[in-house]
Amino acid sequence: MVVYFLSRRNSEAIIDVLNAKKDSYEKQIKELKKRHNDEIIERDKLIAKYHETISIIEKKYAEKEKQLSSKEKKRIKEIVETSKGEADVVRKEIEKSFGFTFIE
């Protein structure tokens, strides 16, 4: 009977330790899940910011490209007007201004 009480007391202590560890693990898991969700929210915000920035850059690029295209058209018109329609002069000036090479 003494053995029964001693072993019973030890098993209750072991059960208490296991329950305490279980509670600790559950708290850790809960905290990890919270941190994970916070990181996902932060990541989503950063992704949205990235897409917004890319969109702004693409719009600025399109505007600059359009402006450059207008400048190129003006330059070509100027070359044609100053050369008075001479094909060789127009070709040479366009090659010189834009870095093209004329191939026949």
C-alpha atoms as a PDB file:
ATOM      1  CA  MET A   1       0.000   0.000   0.000  1.00  0.00           C
ATOM      2  CA  VAL A   2       2.864   2.362   0.711  1.00  0.00           C
ATOM      3  CA  VAL A   3       4.239   1.659  -2.761  1.00  0.00           C
ATOM      4  CA  TYR A   4       0.846   2.553  -4.254  1.00  0.00           C
ATOM      5  CA  PHE A   5       0.797   5.968  -2.537  1.00  0.00           C
ATOM      6  CA  LEU A   6       4.411   6.746  -3.437  1.00  0.00           C
ATOM      7  CA  SER A   7       3.963   5.758  -7.077  1.00  0.00           C
ATOM      8  CA  ARG A   8       0.643   7.599  -7.211  1.00  0.00           C
ATOM      9  CA  ARG A   9       2.284  10.785  -5.915  1.00  0.00           C
ATOM     10  CA  ASN A  10       5.124  10.518  -8.462  1.00  0.00           C
ATOM     11  CA  SER A  11       2.747   9.946 -11.357  1.00  0.00           C
ATOM     12  CA  GLU A  12       0.685  12.997 -10.369  1.00  0.00           C
ATOM     13  CA  ALA A  13       3.864  15.091 -10.357  1.00  0.00           C
ATOM     14  CA  ILE A  14       4.801  13.757 -13.796  1.00  0.00           C
ATOM     15  CA  ILE A  15       1.297  14.532 -15.082  1.00  0.00           C
ATOM     16  CA  ASP A  16       1.562  18.080 -13.679  1.00  0.00           C
ATOM     17  CA  VAL A  17       4.925  18.574 -15.419  1.00  0.00           C
ATOM     18  CA  LEU A  18       3.547  17.258 -18.701  1.00  0.00           C
ATOM     19  CA  ASN A  19       0.507  19.528 -18.451  1.00  0.00           C
ATOM     20  CA  ALA A  20       2.751  22.526 -17.734  1.00  0.00           C
ATOM     21  CA  LYS A  21       4.891  21.692 -20.783  1.00  0.00           C
ATOM     22  CA  LYS A  22       1.778  21.263 -22.897  1.00  0.00           C
ATOM     23  CA  ASP A  23       0.495  24.688 -21.819  1.00  0.00           C
ATOM     24  CA  SER A  24       3.880  26.226 -22.555  1.00  0.00           C
ATOM     25  CA  TYR A  25       3.981  24.684 -26.045  1.00  0.00           C
ATOM     26  CA  GLU A  26       0.436  25.872 -26.768  1.00  0.00           C
ATOM     27  CA  LYS A  27       1.397  29.431 -25.752  1.00  0.00           C
ATOM     28  CA  GLN A  28       4.488  29.259 -27.958  1.00  0.00           C
ATOM     29  CA  ILE A  29       2.451  27.993 -30.904  1.00  0.00           C
ATOM     30  CA  LYS A  30      -0.111  30.757 -30.390  1.00  0.00           C
ATOM     31  CA  GLU A  31       2.648  33.400 -30.311  1.00  0.00           C
ATOM     32  CA  LEU A  32       4.306  31.952 -33.424  1.00  0.00           C
ATOM     33  CA  LYS A  33       0.994  31.986 -35.305  1.00  0.00           C
ATOM     34  CA  LYS A  34       0.439  35.616 -34.287  1.00  0.00           C
ATOM     35  CA  ARG A  35       3.920  36.610 -35.474  1.00  0.00           C
ATOM     36  CA  HIS A  36       3.407  34.693 -38.714  1.00  0.00           C
ATOM     37  CA  ASN A  37       0.131  36.512 -39.389  1.00  0.00           C
ATOM     38  CA  ASP A  38       1.791  39.858 -38.621  1.00  0.00           C
ATOM     39  CA  GLU A  39       4.594  39.034 -41.055  1.00  0.00           C
ATOM     40  CA  ILE A  40       2.099  38.067 -43.761  1.00  0.00           C
ATOM     41  CA  ILE A  41       0.251  41.358 -43.295  1.00  0.00           C
ATOM     42  CA  GLU A  42       3.526  43.292 -43.492  1.00  0.00           C
ATOM     43  CA  ARG A  43       4.579  41.312 -46.577  1.00  0.00           C
ATOM     44  CA  ASP A  44       1.266  42.060 -48.293  1.00  0.00           C
ATOM     45  CA  LYS A  45       1.712  45.767 -47.555  1.00  0.00           C
ATOM     46  CA  LEU A  46       5.205  45.675 -49.033  1.00  0.00           C
ATOM     47  CA  ILE A  47       3.974  43.838 -52.131  1.00  0.00           C
ATOM     48  CA  ALA A  48       1.233  46.446 -52.621  1.00  0.00           C
ATOM     49  CA  LYS A  49       3.801  49.242 -52.219  1.00  0.00           C
ATOM     50  CA  TYR A  50       6.075  47.480 -54.743  1.00  0.00           C
ATOM     51  CA  HIS A  51       3.295  47.223 -57.339  1.00  0.00           C
ATOM     52  CA  GLU A  52       2.345  50.856 -56.764  1.00  0.00           C
ATOM     53  CA  THR A  53       5.961  51.951 -57.240  1.00  0.00           C
ATOM     54  CA  ILE A  54       6.339  49.861 -60.398  1.00  0.00           C
ATOM     55  CA  SER A  55       3.151  51.405 -61.783  1.00  0.00           C
ATOM     56  CA  ILE A  56       4.446  54.921 -61.108  1.00  0.00           C
ATOM     57  CA  ILE A  57       7.780  54.118 -62.743  1.00  0.00           C
ATOM     58  CA  GLU A  58       6.061  52.645 -65.812  1.00  0.00           C
ATOM     59  CA  LYS A  59       3.883  55.755 -66.178  1.00  0.00           C
ATOM     60  CA  LYS A  60       6.896  58.052 -65.891  1.00  0.00           C
ATOM     61  CA  TYR A  61       8.773  55.910 -68.417  1.00  0.00           C
ATOM     62  CA  ALA A  62       5.877  56.098 -70.878  1.00  0.00           C
ATOM     63  CA  GLU A  63       5.712  59.893 -70.481  1.00  0.00           C
ATOM     64  CA  LYS A  64       9.470  60.299 -70.985  1.00  0.00           C
ATOM     65  CA  GLU A  65       9.391  57.980 -73.979  1.00  0.00           C
ATOM     66  CA  LYS A  66       6.566  60.017 -75.478  1.00  0.00           C
ATOM     67  CA  GLN A  67       8.497  63.247 -74.898  1.00  0.00           C
ATOM     68  CA  LEU A  68      11.614  61.746 -76.426  1.00  0.00           C
ATOM     69  CA  SER A  69       9.604  60.561 -79.392  1.00  0.00           C
ATOM     70  CA  SER A  70       8.274  64.110 -79.892  1.00  0.00           C
ATOM     71  CA  LYS A  71      11.800  65.501 -79.721  1.00  0.00           C
ATOM     72  CA  GLU A  72      13.001  62.936 -82.256  1.00  0.00           C
ATOM     73  CA  LYS A  73      10.156  63.816 -84.621  1.00  0.00           C
ATOM     74  CA  LYS A  74      10.987  67.498 -84.309  1.00  0.00           C
ATOM     75  CA  ARG A  75      14.658  66.773 -84.953  1.00  0.00           C
ATOM     76  CA  ILE A  76      13.845  64.698 -88.058  1.00  0.00           C
ATOM     77  CA  LYS A  77      11.551  67.433 -89.349  1.00  0.00           C
ATOM     78  CA  GLU A  78      14.322  69.975 -88.756  1.00  0.00           C
ATOM     79  CA  ILE A  79      16.834  67.797 -90.614  1.00  0.00           C
ATOM     80  CA  VAL A  80      14.521  67.398 -93.604  1.00  0.00           C
ATOM     81  CA  GLU A  81      13.781  71.134 -93.719  1.00  0.00           C
ATOM     82  CA  THR A  82      17.431  72.195 -93.476  1.00  0.00           C
ATOM     83  CA  SER A  83      18.594  69.663 -96.069  1.00  0.00           C
ATOM     84  CA  LYS A  84      15.952  70.866 -98.544  1.00  0.00           C
ATOM     85  CA  GLY A  85      14.939  67.338 -99.438  1.00  0.00           C
ATOM     86  CA  GLU A  86      18.349  66.022-100.455  1.00  0.00           C
ATOM     87  CA  ALA A  87      18.231  62.305 -99.605  1.00  0.00           C
ATOM     88  CA  ASP A  88      21.954  61.859 -98.957  1.00  0.00           C
ATOM     89  CA  VAL A  89      22.090  64.807 -96.580  1.00  0.00           C
ATOM     90  CA  VAL A  90      18.947  63.644 -94.754  1.00  0.00           C
ATOM     91  CA  ARG A  91      20.344  60.115 -94.412  1.00  0.00           C
ATOM     92  CA  LYS A  92      23.723  61.315 -93.111  1.00  0.00           C
ATOM     93  CA  GLU A  93      22.166  63.700 -90.589  1.00  0.00           C
ATOM     94  CA  ILE A  94      19.775  61.042 -89.289  1.00  0.00           C
ATOM     95  CA  GLU A  95      22.658  58.579 -88.972  1.00  0.00           C
ATOM     96  CA  LYS A  96      24.705  61.204 -87.150  1.00  0.00           C
ATOM     97  CA  SER A  97      21.894  62.351 -84.833  1.00  0.00           C
ATOM     98  CA  PHE A  98      20.404  58.987 -83.887  1.00  0.00           C
ATOM     99  CA  GLY A  99      23.271  56.560 -84.362  1.00  0.00           C
ATOM    100  CA  PHE A 100      21.578  54.594 -87.149  1.00  0.00           C
ATOM    101  CA  THR A 101      23.433  53.039 -90.033  1.00  0.00           C
ATOM    102  CA  PHE A 102      21.813  53.077 -93.446  1.00  0.00           C
ATOM    103  CA  ILE A 103      21.995  49.777 -95.274  1.00  0.00           C
ATOM    104  CA  GLU A 104      21.024  49.467 -98.911  1.00  0.00           C
END
